[in-house]
Amino acid sequence: MEEKIEKLFRALNIIAMNYLFDQKHNNIDDIKELVPQIEEFVLWFLEKNKFGIEEELYSQMQAYLLQVLEDILSALKQGDQVLLHDAVTYGLMDYLELFVELGQEEKENDNL
């Protein structure tokens, strides 16, 4: 699953970079293509506490991830590119990043 998560993270990162830096704001079709992988990740995350953290915290993380998924699906349905970008970049990608090993160079670039 780690390889799938990393592939999804990288695909979403490219879409997010294009949105921000290249002003490619029509991100809807690109994200629609990734919905099956997004749903697979969400289901995988929800199936059990992967971190062994307190159940209350894990329940809060589950609830927030479901809200992020709901925002993504709502944004796709409504054609809301801003909500879609925010839900993916500041919601879903934060979860994916928990499971992705970023190289030191990439981490430094994120701090720019």
PDB file of N, CA and C in Angstrom:
ATOM      1  N   MET A   1       0.832  -1.203   0.000  1.00  0.00           N
ATOM      2  CA  MET A   1       0.000   0.000   0.000  1.00  0.00           C
ATOM      3  C   MET A   1       0.872   1.262   0.000  1.00  0.00           C
ATOM      4  N   GLU A   2       2.046   1.156   0.602  1.00  0.00           N
ATOM      5  CA  GLU A   2       2.919   2.336   0.667  1.00  0.00           C
ATOM      6  C   GLU A   2       3.260   2.871  -0.720  1.00  0.00           C
ATOM      7  N   GLU A   3       3.495   1.976  -1.660  1.00  0.00           N
ATOM      8  CA  GLU A   3       3.821   2.400  -3.022  1.00  0.00           C
ATOM      9  C   GLU A   3       2.637   3.130  -3.673  1.00  0.00           C
ATOM     10  N   LYS A   4       1.435   2.625  -3.438  1.00  0.00           N
ATOM     11  CA  LYS A   4       0.231   3.275  -3.972  1.00  0.00           C
ATOM     12  C   LYS A   4       0.044   4.657  -3.359  1.00  0.00           C
ATOM     13  N   ILE A   5       0.290   4.758  -2.062  1.00  0.00           N
ATOM     14  CA  ILE A   5       0.154   6.043  -1.370  1.00  0.00           C
ATOM     15  C   ILE A   5       1.166   7.042  -1.924  1.00  0.00           C
ATOM     16  N   GLU A   6       2.392   6.599  -2.107  1.00  0.00           N
ATOM     17  CA  GLU A   6       3.421   7.502  -2.629  1.00  0.00           C
ATOM     18  C   GLU A   6       3.070   7.951  -4.048  1.00  0.00           C
ATOM     19  N   LYS A   7       2.581   7.036  -4.868  1.00  0.00           N
ATOM     20  CA  LYS A   7       2.191   7.381  -6.239  1.00  0.00           C
ATOM     21  C   LYS A   7       1.054   8.402  -6.235  1.00  0.00           C
ATOM     22  N   LEU A   8       0.066   8.190  -5.372  1.00  0.00           N
ATOM     23  CA  LEU A   8      -1.059   9.123  -5.262  1.00  0.00           C
ATOM     24  C   LEU A   8      -0.572  10.482  -4.757  1.00  0.00           C
ATOM     25  N   PHE A   9       0.283  10.477  -3.751  1.00  0.00           N
ATOM     26  CA  PHE A   9       0.821  11.720  -3.202  1.00  0.00           C
ATOM     27  C   PHE A   9       1.545  12.514  -4.283  1.00  0.00           C
ATOM     28  N   ARG A  10       2.381  11.852  -5.043  1.00  0.00           N
ATOM     29  CA  ARG A  10       3.150  12.536  -6.088  1.00  0.00           C
ATOM     30  C   ARG A  10       2.235  13.083  -7.186  1.00  0.00           C
ATOM     31  N   ALA A  11       1.217  12.320  -7.569  1.00  0.00           N
ATOM     32  CA  ALA A  11       0.276  12.792  -8.590  1.00  0.00           C
ATOM     33  C   ALA A  11      -0.474  14.032  -8.093  1.00  0.00           C
ATOM     34  N   LEU A  12      -0.932  13.998  -6.852  1.00  0.00           N
ATOM     35  CA  LEU A  12      -1.644  15.145  -6.287  1.00  0.00           C
ATOM     36  C   LEU A  12      -0.718  16.334  -6.099  1.00  0.00           C
ATOM     37  N   ASN A  13       0.532  16.070  -5.752  1.00  0.00           N
ATOM     38  CA  ASN A  13       1.497  17.145  -5.575  1.00  0.00           C
ATOM     39  C   ASN A  13       1.730  17.878  -6.901  1.00  0.00           C
ATOM     40  N   ILE A  14       1.813  17.148  -7.989  1.00  0.00           N
ATOM     41  CA  ILE A  14       1.980  17.770  -9.307  1.00  0.00           C
ATOM     42  C   ILE A  14       0.772  18.635  -9.642  1.00  0.00           C
ATOM     43  N   ILE A  15      -0.419  18.117  -9.375  1.00  0.00           N
ATOM     44  CA  ILE A  15      -1.646  18.884  -9.632  1.00  0.00           C
ATOM     45  C   ILE A  15      -1.653  20.151  -8.784  1.00  0.00           C
ATOM     46  N   ALA A  16      -1.277  20.030  -7.514  1.00  0.00           N
ATOM     47  CA  ALA A  16      -1.259  21.193  -6.616  1.00  0.00           C
ATOM     48  C   ALA A  16      -0.227  22.221  -7.069  1.00  0.00           C
ATOM     49  N   MET A  17       0.936  21.754  -7.495  1.00  0.00           N
ATOM     50  CA  MET A  17       1.978  22.674  -7.973  1.00  0.00           C
ATOM     51  C   MET A  17       1.508  23.386  -9.237  1.00  0.00           C
ATOM     52  N   ASN A  18       0.891  22.649 -10.144  1.00  0.00           N
ATOM     53  CA  ASN A  18       0.371  23.263 -11.372  1.00  0.00           C
ATOM     54  C   ASN A  18      -0.681  24.313 -11.046  1.00  0.00           C
ATOM     55  N   TYR A  19      -1.506  24.025 -10.048  1.00  0.00           N
ATOM     56  CA  TYR A  19      -2.564  24.958  -9.636  1.00  0.00           C
ATOM     57  C   TYR A  19      -1.949  26.254  -9.109  1.00  0.00           C
ATOM     58  N   LEU A  20      -0.952  26.113  -8.257  1.00  0.00           N
ATOM     59  CA  LEU A  20      -0.358  27.287  -7.605  1.00  0.00           C
ATOM     60  C   LEU A  20       0.620  28.055  -8.483  1.00  0.00           C
ATOM     61  N   PHE A  21       1.516  27.334  -9.127  1.00  0.00           N
ATOM     62  CA  PHE A  21       2.610  28.006  -9.821  1.00  0.00           C
ATOM     63  C   PHE A  21       2.352  28.253 -11.298  1.00  0.00           C
ATOM     64  N   ASP A  22       1.645  27.336 -11.952  1.00  0.00           N
ATOM     65  CA  ASP A  22       1.381  27.496 -13.379  1.00  0.00           C
ATOM     66  C   ASP A  22      -0.007  28.059 -13.643  1.00  0.00           C
ATOM     67  N   GLN A  23      -0.726  28.347 -12.556  1.00  0.00           N
ATOM     68  CA  GLN A  23      -2.074  28.907 -12.645  1.00  0.00           C
ATOM     69  C   GLN A  23      -3.019  28.002 -13.448  1.00  0.00           C
ATOM     70  N   LYS A  24      -2.784  26.685 -13.392  1.00  0.00           N
ATOM     71  CA  LYS A  24      -3.672  25.724 -14.051  1.00  0.00           C
ATOM     72  C   LYS A  24      -4.814  25.420 -13.070  1.00  0.00           C
ATOM     73  N   HIS A  25      -5.831  26.233 -13.121  1.00  0.00           N
ATOM     74  CA  HIS A  25      -6.905  26.141 -12.132  1.00  0.00           C
ATOM     75  C   HIS A  25      -7.978  25.134 -12.496  1.00  0.00           C
ATOM     76  N   ASN A  26      -7.926  24.571 -13.685  1.00  0.00           N
ATOM     77  CA  ASN A  26      -8.902  23.549 -14.042  1.00  0.00           C
ATOM     78  C   ASN A  26      -8.370  22.187 -13.601  1.00  0.00           C
ATOM     79  N   ASN A  27      -8.461  21.948 -12.307  1.00  0.00           N
ATOM     80  CA  ASN A  27      -7.916  20.736 -11.704  1.00  0.00           C
ATOM     81  C   ASN A  27      -8.950  19.620 -11.548  1.00  0.00           C
ATOM     82  N   ILE A  28     -10.166  19.875 -11.947  1.00  0.00           N
ATOM     83  CA  ILE A  28     -11.262  18.952 -11.681  1.00  0.00           C
ATOM     84  C   ILE A  28     -11.070  17.616 -12.394  1.00  0.00           C
ATOM     85  N   ASP A  29     -10.804  17.644 -13.687  1.00  0.00           N
ATOM     86  CA  ASP A  29     -10.649  16.386 -14.427  1.00  0.00           C
ATOM     87  C   ASP A  29      -9.455  15.581 -13.922  1.00  0.00           C
ATOM     88  N   ASP A  30      -8.365  16.274 -13.586  1.00  0.00           N
ATOM     89  CA  ASP A  30      -7.180  15.582 -13.077  1.00  0.00           C
ATOM     90  C   ASP A  30      -7.488  14.853 -11.770  1.00  0.00           C
ATOM     91  N   ILE A  31      -8.225  15.513 -10.893  1.00  0.00           N
ATOM     92  CA  ILE A  31      -8.560  14.894  -9.596  1.00  0.00           C
ATOM     93  C   ILE A  31      -9.606  13.782  -9.786  1.00  0.00           C
ATOM     94  N   LYS A  32     -10.562  13.995 -10.682  1.00  0.00           N
ATOM     95  CA  LYS A  32     -11.576  12.958 -10.936  1.00  0.00           C
ATOM     96  C   LYS A  32     -10.926  11.630 -11.298  1.00  0.00           C
ATOM     97  N   GLU A  33      -9.868  11.700 -12.082  1.00  0.00           N
ATOM     98  CA  GLU A  33      -9.170  10.476 -12.485  1.00  0.00           C
ATOM     99  C   GLU A  33      -8.569   9.747 -11.287  1.00  0.00           C
ATOM    100  N   LEU A  34      -8.291  10.471 -10.215  1.00  0.00           N
ATOM    101  CA  LEU A  34      -7.642   9.883  -9.044  1.00  0.00           C
ATOM    102  C   LEU A  34      -8.626   9.467  -7.942  1.00  0.00           C
ATOM    103  N   VAL A  35      -9.914   9.702  -8.151  1.00  0.00           N
ATOM    104  CA  VAL A  35     -10.912   9.381  -7.118  1.00  0.00           C
ATOM    105  C   VAL A  35     -10.840   7.919  -6.672  1.00  0.00           C
ATOM    106  N   PRO A  36     -10.704   6.946  -7.566  1.00  0.00           N
ATOM    107  CA  PRO A  36     -10.620   5.548  -7.077  1.00  0.00           C
ATOM    108  C   PRO A  36      -9.431   5.329  -6.125  1.00  0.00           C
ATOM    109  N   GLN A  37      -8.281   5.929  -6.430  1.00  0.00           N
ATOM    110  CA  GLN A  37      -7.116   5.787  -5.562  1.00  0.00           C
ATOM    111  C   GLN A  37      -7.326   6.532  -4.246  1.00  0.00           C
ATOM    112  N   ILE A  38      -7.977   7.687  -4.311  1.00  0.00           N
ATOM    113  CA  ILE A  38      -8.275   8.441  -3.087  1.00  0.00           C
ATOM    114  C   ILE A  38      -9.196   7.624  -2.191  1.00  0.00           C
ATOM    115  N   GLU A  39     -10.243   7.064  -2.771  1.00  0.00           N
ATOM    116  CA  GLU A  39     -11.174   6.244  -1.990  1.00  0.00           C
ATOM    117  C   GLU A  39     -10.482   5.021  -1.411  1.00  0.00           C
ATOM    118  N   GLU A  40      -9.594   4.402  -2.178  1.00  0.00           N
ATOM    119  CA  GLU A  40      -8.857   3.238  -1.673  1.00  0.00           C
ATOM    120  C   GLU A  40      -8.016   3.620  -0.456  1.00  0.00           C
ATOM    121  N   PHE A  41      -7.341   4.766  -0.527  1.00  0.00           N
ATOM    122  CA  PHE A  41      -6.543   5.220   0.614  1.00  0.00           C
ATOM    123  C   PHE A  41      -7.429   5.475   1.831  1.00  0.00           C
ATOM    124  N   VAL A  42      -8.529   6.176   1.625  1.00  0.00           N
ATOM    125  CA  VAL A  42      -9.418   6.503   2.745  1.00  0.00           C
ATOM    126  C   VAL A  42      -9.914   5.221   3.418  1.00  0.00           C
ATOM    127  N   LEU A  43     -10.361   4.261   2.636  1.00  0.00           N
ATOM    128  CA  LEU A  43     -10.840   2.995   3.204  1.00  0.00           C
ATOM    129  C   LEU A  43      -9.720   2.274   3.957  1.00  0.00           C
ATOM    130  N   TRP A  44      -8.532   2.273   3.391  1.00  0.00           N
ATOM    131  CA  TRP A  44      -7.386   1.641   4.041  1.00  0.00           C
ATOM    132  C   TRP A  44      -7.080   2.316   5.369  1.00  0.00           C
ATOM    133  N   PHE A  45      -7.101   3.653   5.386  1.00  0.00           N
ATOM    134  CA  PHE A  45      -6.816   4.398   6.607  1.00  0.00           C
ATOM    135  C   PHE A  45      -7.879   4.131   7.670  1.00  0.00           C
ATOM    136  N   LEU A  46      -9.120   4.047   7.254  1.00  0.00           N
ATOM    137  CA  LEU A  46     -10.223   3.900   8.200  1.00  0.00           C
ATOM    138  C   LEU A  46     -10.327   2.498   8.796  1.00  0.00           C
ATOM    139  N   GLU A  47      -9.748   1.515   8.139  1.00  0.00           N
ATOM    140  CA  GLU A  47      -9.951   0.134   8.576  1.00  0.00           C
ATOM    141  C   GLU A  47      -9.332  -0.184   9.935  1.00  0.00           C
ATOM    142  N   LYS A  48      -8.212   0.471  10.276  1.00  0.00           N
ATOM    143  CA  LYS A  48      -7.632   0.246  11.610  1.00  0.00           C
ATOM    144  C   LYS A  48      -6.658   1.354  11.961  1.00  0.00           C
ATOM    145  N   ASN A  49      -6.375   1.464  13.228  1.00  0.00           N
ATOM    146  CA  ASN A  49      -5.474   2.465  13.786  1.00  0.00           C
ATOM    147  C   ASN A  49      -4.036   2.081  13.434  1.00  0.00           C
ATOM    148  N   LYS A  50      -3.524   2.654  12.368  1.00  0.00           N
ATOM    149  CA  LYS A  50      -2.194   2.305  11.859  1.00  0.00           C
ATOM    150  C   LYS A  50      -1.062   2.814  12.755  1.00  0.00           C
ATOM    151  N   PHE A  51      -1.344   3.808  13.579  1.00  0.00           N
ATOM    152  CA  PHE A  51      -0.305   4.428  14.392  1.00  0.00           C
ATOM    153  C   PHE A  51      -0.265   3.911  15.824  1.00  0.00           C
ATOM    154  N   GLY A  52      -1.290   3.202  16.247  1.00  0.00           N
ATOM    155  CA  GLY A  52      -1.349   2.760  17.635  1.00  0.00           C
ATOM    156  C   GLY A  52      -1.529   3.922  18.593  1.00  0.00           C
ATOM    157  N   ILE A  53      -2.211   4.966  18.140  1.00  0.00           N
ATOM    158  CA  ILE A  53      -2.432   6.152  18.979  1.00  0.00           C
ATOM    159  C   ILE A  53      -3.718   5.999  19.768  1.00  0.00           C
ATOM    160  N   GLU A  54      -3.968   6.932  20.657  1.00  0.00           N
ATOM    161  CA  GLU A  54      -5.189   6.909  21.463  1.00  0.00           C
ATOM    162  C   GLU A  54      -6.406   6.822  20.544  1.00  0.00           C
ATOM    163  N   GLU A  55      -7.364   6.053  20.951  1.00  0.00           N
ATOM    164  CA  GLU A  55      -8.558   5.858  20.132  1.00  0.00           C
ATOM    165  C   GLU A  55      -9.321   7.161  19.883  1.00  0.00           C
ATOM    166  N   GLU A  56      -9.343   8.030  20.878  1.00  0.00           N
ATOM    167  CA  GLU A  56     -10.055   9.302  20.705  1.00  0.00           C
ATOM    168  C   GLU A  56      -9.404  10.146  19.602  1.00  0.00           C
ATOM    169  N   LEU A  57      -8.083  10.204  19.615  1.00  0.00           N
ATOM    170  CA  LEU A  57      -7.363  10.949  18.582  1.00  0.00           C
ATOM    171  C   LEU A  57      -7.566  10.301  17.212  1.00  0.00           C
ATOM    172  N   TYR A  58      -7.487   8.973  17.177  1.00  0.00           N
ATOM    173  CA  TYR A  58      -7.688   8.265  15.917  1.00  0.00           C
ATOM    174  C   TYR A  58      -9.109   8.497  15.386  1.00  0.00           C
ATOM    175  N   SER A  59     -10.085   8.507  16.265  1.00  0.00           N
ATOM    176  CA  SER A  59     -11.470   8.784  15.858  1.00  0.00           C
ATOM    177  C   SER A  59     -11.595  10.191  15.271  1.00  0.00           C
ATOM    178  N   GLN A  60     -10.904  11.144  15.865  1.00  0.00           N
ATOM    179  CA  GLN A  60     -10.919  12.518  15.341  1.00  0.00           C
ATOM    180  C   GLN A  60     -10.251  12.574  13.966  1.00  0.00           C
ATOM    181  N   MET A  61      -9.157  11.841  13.810  1.00  0.00           N
ATOM    182  CA  MET A  61      -8.483  11.797  12.510  1.00  0.00           C
ATOM    183  C   MET A  61      -9.379  11.157  11.454  1.00  0.00           C
ATOM    184  N   GLN A  62     -10.106  10.104  11.838  1.00  0.00           N
ATOM    185  CA  GLN A  62     -11.040   9.459  10.918  1.00  0.00           C
ATOM    186  C   GLN A  62     -12.133  10.437  10.493  1.00  0.00           C
ATOM    187  N   ALA A  63     -12.708  11.130  11.458  1.00  0.00           N
ATOM    188  CA  ALA A  63     -13.791  12.068  11.169  1.00  0.00           C
ATOM    189  C   ALA A  63     -13.314  13.183  10.244  1.00  0.00           C
ATOM    190  N   TYR A  64     -12.124  13.698  10.496  1.00  0.00           N
ATOM    191  CA  TYR A  64     -11.602  14.777   9.654  1.00  0.00           C
ATOM    192  C   TYR A  64     -11.326  14.269   8.236  1.00  0.00           C
ATOM    193  N   LEU A  65     -10.767  13.074   8.115  1.00  0.00           N
ATOM    194  CA  LEU A  65     -10.500  12.515   6.791  1.00  0.00           C
ATOM    195  C   LEU A  65     -11.799  12.310   6.016  1.00  0.00           C
ATOM    196  N   LEU A  66     -12.837  11.867   6.688  1.00  0.00           N
ATOM    197  CA  LEU A  66     -14.139  11.715   6.022  1.00  0.00           C
ATOM    198  C   LEU A  66     -14.684  13.068   5.579  1.00  0.00           C
ATOM    199  N   GLN A  67     -14.459  14.104   6.379  1.00  0.00           N
ATOM    200  CA  GLN A  67     -14.881  15.455   5.995  1.00  0.00           C
ATOM    201  C   GLN A  67     -14.109  15.932   4.769  1.00  0.00           C
ATOM    202  N   VAL A  68     -12.832  15.639   4.739  1.00  0.00           N
ATOM    203  CA  VAL A  68     -12.005  16.000   3.580  1.00  0.00           C
ATOM    204  C   VAL A  68     -12.525  15.296   2.328  1.00  0.00           C
ATOM    205  N   LEU A  69     -12.816  14.005   2.448  1.00  0.00           N
ATOM    206  CA  LEU A  69     -13.357  13.256   1.307  1.00  0.00           C
ATOM    207  C   LEU A  69     -14.684  13.849   0.855  1.00  0.00           C
ATOM    208  N   GLU A  70     -15.530  14.188   1.808  1.00  0.00           N
ATOM    209  CA  GLU A  70     -16.819  14.817   1.483  1.00  0.00           C
ATOM    210  C   GLU A  70     -16.610  16.146   0.754  1.00  0.00           C
ATOM    211  N   ASP A  71     -15.645  16.943   1.207  1.00  0.00           N
ATOM    212  CA  ASP A  71     -15.334  18.211   0.547  1.00  0.00           C
ATOM    213  C   ASP A  71     -14.843  17.980  -0.881  1.00  0.00           C
ATOM    214  N   ILE A  72     -13.999  16.972  -1.070  1.00  0.00           N
ATOM    215  CA  ILE A  72     -13.493  16.668  -2.410  1.00  0.00           C
ATOM    216  C   ILE A  72     -14.636  16.283  -3.332  1.00  0.00           C
ATOM    217  N   LEU A  73     -15.484  15.385  -2.879  1.00  0.00           N
ATOM    218  CA  LEU A  73     -16.599  14.931  -3.712  1.00  0.00           C
ATOM    219  C   LEU A  73     -17.588  16.052  -3.988  1.00  0.00           C
ATOM    220  N   SER A  74     -17.843  16.883  -2.992  1.00  0.00           N
ATOM    221  CA  SER A  74     -18.734  18.032  -3.164  1.00  0.00           C
ATOM    222  C   SER A  74     -18.141  19.021  -4.167  1.00  0.00           C
ATOM    223  N   ALA A  75     -16.857  19.287  -4.044  1.00  0.00           N
ATOM    224  CA  ALA A  75     -16.190  20.216  -4.960  1.00  0.00           C
ATOM    225  C   ALA A  75     -16.225  19.693  -6.393  1.00  0.00           C
ATOM    226  N   LEU A  76     -16.018  18.397  -6.555  1.00  0.00           N
ATOM    227  CA  LEU A  76     -16.083  17.810  -7.897  1.00  0.00           C
ATOM    228  C   LEU A  76     -17.485  17.950  -8.480  1.00  0.00           C
ATOM    229  N   LYS A  77     -18.482  17.689  -7.654  1.00  0.00           N
ATOM    230  CA  LYS A  77     -19.873  17.768  -8.111  1.00  0.00           C
ATOM    231  C   LYS A  77     -20.247  19.204  -8.484  1.00  0.00           C
ATOM    232  N   GLN A  78     -19.789  20.165  -7.697  1.00  0.00           N
ATOM    233  CA  GLN A  78     -20.153  21.572  -7.909  1.00  0.00           C
ATOM    234  C   GLN A  78     -19.192  22.308  -8.846  1.00  0.00           C
ATOM    235  N   GLY A  79     -18.096  21.661  -9.205  1.00  0.00           N
ATOM    236  CA  GLY A  79     -17.101  22.331 -10.036  1.00  0.00           C
ATOM    237  C   GLY A  79     -16.347  23.424  -9.305  1.00  0.00           C
ATOM    238  N   ASP A  80     -16.214  23.295  -8.000  1.00  0.00           N
ATOM    239  CA  ASP A  80     -15.559  24.299  -7.159  1.00  0.00           C
ATOM    240  C   ASP A  80     -14.059  24.010  -7.090  1.00  0.00           C
ATOM    241  N   GLN A  81     -13.289  24.670  -7.934  1.00  0.00           N
ATOM    242  CA  GLN A  81     -11.858  24.411  -8.034  1.00  0.00           C
ATOM    243  C   GLN A  81     -11.086  24.842  -6.785  1.00  0.00           C
ATOM    244  N   VAL A  82     -11.523  25.899  -6.144  1.00  0.00           N
ATOM    245  CA  VAL A  82     -10.826  26.382  -4.944  1.00  0.00           C
ATOM    246  C   VAL A  82     -11.027  25.402  -3.786  1.00  0.00           C
ATOM    247  N   LEU A  83     -12.252  24.997  -3.533  1.00  0.00           N
ATOM    248  CA  LEU A  83     -12.513  24.016  -2.473  1.00  0.00           C
ATOM    249  C   LEU A  83     -11.774  22.717  -2.763  1.00  0.00           C
ATOM    250  N   LEU A  84     -11.762  22.307  -4.013  1.00  0.00           N
ATOM    251  CA  LEU A  84     -11.081  21.077  -4.393  1.00  0.00           C
ATOM    252  C   LEU A  84      -9.588  21.183  -4.090  1.00  0.00           C
ATOM    253  N   HIS A  85      -8.989  22.281  -4.498  1.00  0.00           N
ATOM    254  CA  HIS A  85      -7.558  22.480  -4.225  1.00  0.00           C
ATOM    255  C   HIS A  85      -7.285  22.461  -2.720  1.00  0.00           C
ATOM    256  N   ASP A  86      -8.083  23.199  -1.960  1.00  0.00           N
ATOM    257  CA  ASP A  86      -7.867  23.267  -0.516  1.00  0.00           C
ATOM    258  C   ASP A  86      -8.033  21.908   0.156  1.00  0.00           C
ATOM    259  N   ALA A  87      -9.083  21.177  -0.222  1.00  0.00           N
ATOM    260  CA  ALA A  87      -9.333  19.873   0.391  1.00  0.00           C
ATOM    261  C   ALA A  87      -8.215  18.883   0.072  1.00  0.00           C
ATOM    262  N   VAL A  88      -7.734  18.923  -1.149  1.00  0.00           N
ATOM    263  CA  VAL A  88      -6.662  18.014  -1.544  1.00  0.00           C
ATOM    264  C   VAL A  88      -5.340  18.428  -0.913  1.00  0.00           C
ATOM    265  N   THR A  89      -4.970  19.692  -1.085  1.00  0.00           N
ATOM    266  CA  THR A  89      -3.652  20.153  -0.665  1.00  0.00           C
ATOM    267  C   THR A  89      -3.501  20.246   0.848  1.00  0.00           C
ATOM    268  N   TYR A  90      -4.508  20.777   1.515  1.00  0.00           N
ATOM    269  CA  TYR A  90      -4.394  21.022   2.962  1.00  0.00           C
ATOM    270  C   TYR A  90      -5.147  20.001   3.806  1.00  0.00           C
ATOM    271  N   GLY A  91      -5.733  19.022   3.152  1.00  0.00           N
ATOM    272  CA  GLY A  91      -6.436  17.963   3.868  1.00  0.00           C
ATOM    273  C   GLY A  91      -5.853  16.603   3.529  1.00  0.00           C
ATOM    274  N   LEU A  92      -6.183  16.119   2.355  1.00  0.00           N
ATOM    275  CA  LEU A  92      -5.784  14.770   1.954  1.00  0.00           C
ATOM    276  C   LEU A  92      -4.271  14.591   1.913  1.00  0.00           C
ATOM    277  N   MET A  93      -3.574  15.543   1.340  1.00  0.00           N
ATOM    278  CA  MET A  93      -2.120  15.373   1.214  1.00  0.00           C
ATOM    279  C   MET A  93      -1.421  15.337   2.566  1.00  0.00           C
ATOM    280  N   ASP A  94      -1.969  16.011   3.565  1.00  0.00           N
ATOM    281  CA  ASP A  94      -1.400  15.929   4.913  1.00  0.00           C
ATOM    282  C   ASP A  94      -1.480  14.503   5.443  1.00  0.00           C
ATOM    283  N   TYR A  95      -2.574  13.823   5.156  1.00  0.00           N
ATOM    284  CA  TYR A  95      -2.707  12.425   5.580  1.00  0.00           C
ATOM    285  C   TYR A  95      -1.764  11.527   4.800  1.00  0.00           C
ATOM    286  N   LEU A  96      -1.714  11.716   3.495  1.00  0.00           N
ATOM    287  CA  LEU A  96      -0.828  10.899   2.666  1.00  0.00           C
ATOM    288  C   LEU A  96       0.627  11.063   3.097  1.00  0.00           C
ATOM    289  N   GLU A  97       0.992  12.283   3.442  1.00  0.00           N
ATOM    290  CA  GLU A  97       2.368  12.574   3.818  1.00  0.00           C
ATOM    291  C   GLU A  97       2.803  11.807   5.068  1.00  0.00           C
ATOM    292  N   LEU A  98       1.863  11.406   5.878  1.00  0.00           N
ATOM    293  CA  LEU A  98       2.187  10.609   7.060  1.00  0.00           C
ATOM    294  C   LEU A  98       2.821   9.275   6.686  1.00  0.00           C
ATOM    295  N   PHE A  99       2.553   8.816   5.454  1.00  0.00           N
ATOM    296  CA  PHE A  99       3.006   7.501   5.010  1.00  0.00           C
ATOM    297  C   PHE A  99       4.046   7.563   3.897  1.00  0.00           C
ATOM    298  N   VAL A 100       4.433   8.770   3.493  1.00  0.00           N
ATOM    299  CA  VAL A 100       5.362   8.935   2.379  1.00  0.00           C
ATOM    300  C   VAL A 100       6.715   9.369   2.917  1.00  0.00           C
ATOM    301  N   GLU A 101       7.736   8.676   2.470  1.00  0.00           N
ATOM    302  CA  GLU A 101       9.105   9.041   2.827  1.00  0.00           C
ATOM    303  C   GLU A 101       9.591  10.062   1.817  1.00  0.00           C
ATOM    304  N   LEU A 102       9.673  11.312   2.231  1.00  0.00           N
ATOM    305  CA  LEU A 102      10.183  12.350   1.349  1.00  0.00           C
ATOM    306  C   LEU A 102      11.691  12.460   1.526  1.00  0.00           C
ATOM    307  N   GLY A 103      12.376  12.620   0.413  1.00  0.00           N
ATOM    308  CA  GLY A 103      13.813  12.821   0.468  1.00  0.00           C
ATOM    309  C   GLY A 103      14.114  14.168   1.100  1.00  0.00           C
ATOM    310  N   GLN A 104      15.308  14.338   1.619  1.00  0.00           N
ATOM    311  CA  GLN A 104      15.683  15.590   2.280  1.00  0.00           C
ATOM    312  C   GLN A 104      15.522  16.779   1.346  1.00  0.00           C
ATOM    313  N   GLU A 105      15.870  16.606   0.067  1.00  0.00           N
ATOM    314  CA  GLU A 105      15.755  17.696  -0.894  1.00  0.00           C
ATOM    315  C   GLU A 105      14.309  18.141  -1.043  1.00  0.00           C
ATOM    316  N   GLU A 106      13.378  17.195  -1.102  1.00  0.00           N
ATOM    317  CA  GLU A 106      11.959  17.542  -1.231  1.00  0.00           C
ATOM    318  C   GLU A 106      11.457  18.261   0.015  1.00  0.00           C
ATOM    319  N   LYS A 107      11.901  17.828   1.189  1.00  0.00           N
ATOM    320  CA  LYS A 107      11.484  18.481   2.423  1.00  0.00           C
ATOM    321  C   LYS A 107      11.966  19.928   2.452  1.00  0.00           C
ATOM    322  N   GLU A 108      13.193  20.137   1.999  1.00  0.00           N
ATOM    323  CA  GLU A 108      13.725  21.501   1.955  1.00  0.00           C
ATOM    324  C   GLU A 108      12.935  22.364   0.978  1.00  0.00           C
ATOM    325  N   ASN A 109      12.527  21.795  -0.164  1.00  0.00           N
ATOM    326  CA  ASN A 109      11.741  22.537  -1.149  1.00  0.00           C
ATOM    327  C   ASN A 109      10.367  22.905  -0.597  1.00  0.00           C
ATOM    328  N   ASP A 110       9.812  22.067   0.246  1.00  0.00           N
ATOM    329  CA  ASP A 110       8.508  22.353   0.844  1.00  0.00           C
ATOM    330  C   ASP A 110       8.584  23.566   1.766  1.00  0.00           C
ATOM    331  N   ASN A 111       9.750  23.859   2.280  1.00  0.00           N
ATOM    332  CA  ASN A 111       9.910  24.961   3.210  1.00  0.00           C
ATOM    333  C   ASN A 111      10.126  26.292   2.503  1.00  0.00           C
ATOM    334  N   LEU A 112      10.170  26.290   1.184  1.00  0.00           N
ATOM    335  CA  LEU A 112      10.372  27.543   0.432  1.00  0.00           C
ATOM    336  C   LEU A 112       9.150  28.405   0.452  1.00  0.00           C
TER     337      LEU A 112
END
